[in-house]
Amino acid sequence: MENKTQRDLAEGQLIDLVRRHNEQNFRLTILCDRGRWSISLSVPEKELRGEIPHIGWMVGTGASFTEAWANRQSQQPRVDE
């Protein structure tokens, strides 16, 4: 079970990411299907400024948003990127 601190941290990181990349090129998808959360995040390497090293393409899943955000792992970039 998640605690408020973990949830606040995940939500804060999400908001910081969106603010930092305002008017920049990135793709963020958050899905919840039958209680299973999935987050995918793609930022072209040229947009990175070292805040989240090697982000490129990250995917995470979990039973809550907080868990899915914490479970993000780097993936190979998609062909259409």
N, C-alpha and C. Protein backbone atom coordinates (compact mmCIF):
# COMPACT_ATOMS: atom_id res chain seq x y z
N MET A 1 0.83 -1.17 0.00
CA MET A 1 0.00 0.00 0.00
C MET A 1 0.89 1.25 0.00
N GLU A 2 0.52 2.23 -0.80
CA GLU A 2 1.32 3.44 -0.89
C GLU A 2 1.01 4.39 0.26
N ASN A 3 2.00 5.21 0.59
CA ASN A 3 1.74 6.22 1.60
C ASN A 3 1.67 7.60 0.93
N LYS A 4 1.22 8.58 1.69
CA LYS A 4 1.03 9.92 1.15
C LYS A 4 2.34 10.51 0.64
N THR A 5 3.44 10.26 1.33
CA THR A 5 4.73 10.79 0.90
C THR A 5 5.14 10.25 -0.45
N GLN A 6 4.99 8.94 -0.67
CA GLN A 6 5.32 8.33 -1.95
C GLN A 6 4.44 8.90 -3.06
N ARG A 7 3.14 9.03 -2.77
CA ARG A 7 2.22 9.57 -3.76
C ARG A 7 2.56 11.03 -4.09
N ASP A 8 2.82 11.82 -3.07
CA ASP A 8 3.18 13.23 -3.28
C ASP A 8 4.46 13.36 -4.10
N LEU A 9 5.44 12.50 -3.82
CA LEU A 9 6.69 12.52 -4.57
C LEU A 9 6.45 12.20 -6.05
N ALA A 10 5.69 11.14 -6.32
CA ALA A 10 5.39 10.75 -7.71
C ALA A 10 4.63 11.86 -8.44
N GLU A 11 3.62 12.41 -7.78
CA GLU A 11 2.83 13.48 -8.41
C GLU A 11 3.68 14.72 -8.63
N GLY A 12 4.55 15.05 -7.68
CA GLY A 12 5.44 16.20 -7.83
C GLY A 12 6.41 16.02 -8.97
N GLN A 13 6.97 14.81 -9.13
CA GLN A 13 7.88 14.54 -10.24
C GLN A 13 7.17 14.66 -11.58
N LEU A 14 5.93 14.19 -11.64
CA LEU A 14 5.14 14.29 -12.87
C LEU A 14 4.91 15.76 -13.23
N ILE A 15 4.48 16.56 -12.26
CA ILE A 15 4.22 17.97 -12.51
C ILE A 15 5.51 18.68 -12.92
N ASP A 16 6.62 18.40 -12.24
CA ASP A 16 7.90 19.01 -12.59
C ASP A 16 8.30 18.66 -14.02
N LEU A 17 8.08 17.41 -14.41
CA LEU A 17 8.41 16.98 -15.77
C LEU A 17 7.63 17.78 -16.79
N VAL A 18 6.33 17.91 -16.58
CA VAL A 18 5.47 18.64 -17.53
C VAL A 18 5.87 20.12 -17.57
N ARG A 19 6.10 20.71 -16.42
CA ARG A 19 6.52 22.13 -16.39
C ARG A 19 7.86 22.32 -17.10
N ARG A 20 8.79 21.44 -16.86
CA ARG A 20 10.14 21.56 -17.42
C ARG A 20 10.11 21.43 -18.94
N HIS A 21 9.20 20.62 -19.44
CA HIS A 21 9.15 20.38 -20.88
C HIS A 21 8.00 21.14 -21.52
N ASN A 22 7.47 22.17 -20.85
CA ASN A 22 6.43 23.00 -21.43
C ASN A 22 6.91 23.55 -22.77
N GLU A 23 6.09 23.38 -23.78
CA GLU A 23 6.39 23.83 -25.14
C GLU A 23 7.58 23.09 -25.74
N GLN A 24 7.94 21.97 -25.19
CA GLN A 24 8.99 21.13 -25.73
C GLN A 24 8.36 19.88 -26.32
N ASN A 25 9.18 19.00 -26.79
CA ASN A 25 8.72 17.79 -27.46
C ASN A 25 8.83 16.60 -26.51
N PHE A 26 7.69 16.12 -26.02
CA PHE A 26 7.67 14.91 -25.21
C PHE A 26 6.29 14.26 -25.34
N ARG A 27 6.22 13.00 -24.97
CA ARG A 27 4.95 12.27 -25.01
C ARG A 27 4.78 11.54 -23.68
N LEU A 28 3.62 11.75 -23.06
CA LEU A 28 3.31 11.12 -21.78
C LEU A 28 1.93 10.49 -21.90
N THR A 29 1.84 9.21 -21.56
CA THR A 29 0.56 8.51 -21.58
C THR A 29 0.36 7.84 -20.23
N ILE A 30 -0.81 8.08 -19.63
CA ILE A 30 -1.17 7.44 -18.37
C ILE A 30 -2.49 6.72 -18.60
N LEU A 31 -2.49 5.41 -18.40
CA LEU A 31 -3.69 4.60 -18.60
C LEU A 31 -4.01 3.83 -17.33
N CYS A 32 -5.29 3.62 -17.11
CA CYS A 32 -5.72 2.72 -16.04
C CYS A 32 -6.81 1.82 -16.62
N ASP A 33 -6.55 0.53 -16.63
CA ASP A 33 -7.48 -0.43 -17.20
C ASP A 33 -7.71 -1.53 -16.16
N ARG A 34 -8.93 -1.59 -15.64
CA ARG A 34 -9.30 -2.60 -14.64
C ARG A 34 -8.35 -2.62 -13.45
N GLY A 35 -8.00 -1.41 -12.99
CA GLY A 35 -7.16 -1.30 -11.80
C GLY A 35 -5.67 -1.44 -12.04
N ARG A 36 -5.25 -1.62 -13.28
CA ARG A 36 -3.82 -1.74 -13.60
C ARG A 36 -3.38 -0.47 -14.30
N TRP A 37 -2.46 0.26 -13.68
CA TRP A 37 -1.96 1.52 -14.22
C TRP A 37 -0.75 1.28 -15.11
N SER A 38 -0.65 2.08 -16.15
CA SER A 38 0.48 2.02 -17.07
C SER A 38 0.88 3.44 -17.44
N ILE A 39 2.17 3.72 -17.34
CA ILE A 39 2.70 5.03 -17.69
C ILE A 39 3.79 4.84 -18.72
N SER A 40 3.73 5.59 -19.80
CA SER A 40 4.82 5.61 -20.76
C SER A 40 5.23 7.05 -20.99
N LEU A 41 6.52 7.26 -21.09
CA LEU A 41 7.08 8.59 -21.21
C LEU A 41 8.18 8.56 -22.25
N SER A 42 8.11 9.47 -23.19
CA SER A 42 9.13 9.56 -24.23
C SER A 42 9.59 11.00 -24.35
N VAL A 43 10.91 11.19 -24.25
CA VAL A 43 11.52 12.51 -24.45
C VAL A 43 12.70 12.30 -25.39
N PRO A 44 12.68 12.99 -26.55
CA PRO A 44 13.82 12.85 -27.46
C PRO A 44 15.12 13.22 -26.75
N GLU A 45 16.18 12.50 -27.03
CA GLU A 45 17.46 12.72 -26.37
C GLU A 45 17.91 14.18 -26.46
N LYS A 46 17.63 14.86 -27.57
CA LYS A 46 18.07 16.24 -27.73
C LYS A 46 17.36 17.19 -26.77
N GLU A 47 16.21 16.77 -26.21
CA GLU A 47 15.47 17.61 -25.27
C GLU A 47 15.96 17.44 -23.83
N LEU A 48 16.76 16.44 -23.60
CA LEU A 48 17.20 16.15 -22.24
C LEU A 48 18.25 17.15 -21.78
N ARG A 49 18.16 17.51 -20.52
CA ARG A 49 19.13 18.44 -19.95
C ARG A 49 19.77 17.83 -18.70
N GLY A 50 19.75 16.53 -18.59
CA GLY A 50 20.38 15.87 -17.46
C GLY A 50 19.50 15.69 -16.23
N GLU A 51 18.27 16.22 -16.26
CA GLU A 51 17.42 16.10 -15.07
C GLU A 51 17.04 14.65 -14.81
N ILE A 52 16.69 13.93 -15.85
CA ILE A 52 16.35 12.52 -15.72
C ILE A 52 17.23 11.78 -16.73
N PRO A 53 18.40 11.31 -16.30
CA PRO A 53 19.35 10.72 -17.24
C PRO A 53 18.77 9.57 -18.05
N HIS A 54 19.11 9.55 -19.30
CA HIS A 54 18.79 8.44 -20.21
C HIS A 54 17.31 8.12 -20.26
N ILE A 55 16.46 9.13 -20.19
CA ILE A 55 15.03 8.86 -20.16
C ILE A 55 14.56 8.25 -21.47
N GLY A 56 14.87 8.88 -22.60
CA GLY A 56 14.47 8.37 -23.90
C GLY A 56 13.05 7.86 -23.91
N TRP A 57 12.89 6.61 -23.56
CA TRP A 57 11.58 5.97 -23.53
C TRP A 57 11.49 5.16 -22.25
N MET A 58 10.52 5.48 -21.38
CA MET A 58 10.35 4.77 -20.12
C MET A 58 8.93 4.25 -20.00
N VAL A 59 8.78 3.07 -19.40
CA VAL A 59 7.48 2.45 -19.20
C VAL A 59 7.43 1.90 -17.78
N GLY A 60 6.27 2.09 -17.13
CA GLY A 60 6.07 1.52 -15.80
C GLY A 60 4.64 1.07 -15.64
N THR A 61 4.43 0.02 -14.86
CA THR A 61 3.08 -0.48 -14.58
C THR A 61 2.96 -0.75 -13.09
N GLY A 62 1.72 -0.75 -12.60
CA GLY A 62 1.50 -1.04 -11.20
C GLY A 62 0.03 -0.98 -10.83
N ALA A 63 -0.26 -1.28 -9.58
CA ALA A 63 -1.63 -1.29 -9.09
C ALA A 63 -2.14 0.10 -8.76
N SER A 64 -1.25 1.11 -8.79
CA SER A 64 -1.63 2.50 -8.55
C SER A 64 -0.74 3.39 -9.41
N PHE A 65 -1.11 4.66 -9.52
CA PHE A 65 -0.26 5.60 -10.24
C PHE A 65 1.13 5.64 -9.61
N THR A 66 1.17 5.72 -8.30
CA THR A 66 2.45 5.82 -7.58
C THR A 66 3.34 4.63 -7.89
N GLU A 67 2.78 3.45 -7.87
CA GLU A 67 3.55 2.23 -8.15
C GLU A 67 4.04 2.22 -9.59
N ALA A 68 3.17 2.57 -10.52
CA ALA A 68 3.57 2.59 -11.93
C ALA A 68 4.67 3.61 -12.17
N TRP A 69 4.55 4.79 -11.55
CA TRP A 69 5.58 5.84 -11.71
C TRP A 69 6.91 5.35 -11.15
N ALA A 70 6.88 4.71 -9.98
CA ALA A 70 8.11 4.21 -9.36
C ALA A 70 8.73 3.07 -10.15
N ASN A 71 7.91 2.32 -10.89
CA ASN A 71 8.39 1.16 -11.64
C ASN A 71 8.87 1.49 -13.05
N ARG A 72 8.92 2.78 -13.41
CA ARG A 72 9.37 3.13 -14.76
C ARG A 72 10.79 2.62 -15.00
N GLN A 73 10.98 2.04 -16.16
CA GLN A 73 12.29 1.56 -16.56
C GLN A 73 12.54 1.96 -17.99
N SER A 74 13.80 2.24 -18.30
CA SER A 74 14.17 2.62 -19.66
C SER A 74 13.91 1.47 -20.61
N GLN A 75 13.40 1.82 -21.77
CA GLN A 75 13.12 0.86 -22.83
C GLN A 75 13.86 1.29 -24.08
N GLN A 76 13.95 0.40 -25.04
CA GLN A 76 14.49 0.78 -26.34
C GLN A 76 13.51 1.75 -27.00
N PRO A 77 14.01 2.84 -27.63
CA PRO A 77 13.09 3.77 -28.30
C PRO A 77 12.26 3.06 -29.34
N ARG A 78 11.00 3.54 -29.48
CA ARG A 78 10.11 2.97 -30.47
C ARG A 78 10.53 3.44 -31.85
N VAL A 79 10.20 2.64 -32.84
CA VAL A 79 10.58 2.93 -34.23
C VAL A 79 9.97 4.25 -34.70
N ASP A 80 8.76 4.59 -34.25
CA ASP A 80 8.09 5.80 -34.73
C ASP A 80 8.57 7.05 -34.01
N GLU A 81 9.52 6.94 -33.11
CA GLU A 81 10.00 8.12 -32.37
C GLU A 81 10.88 8.96 -33.24
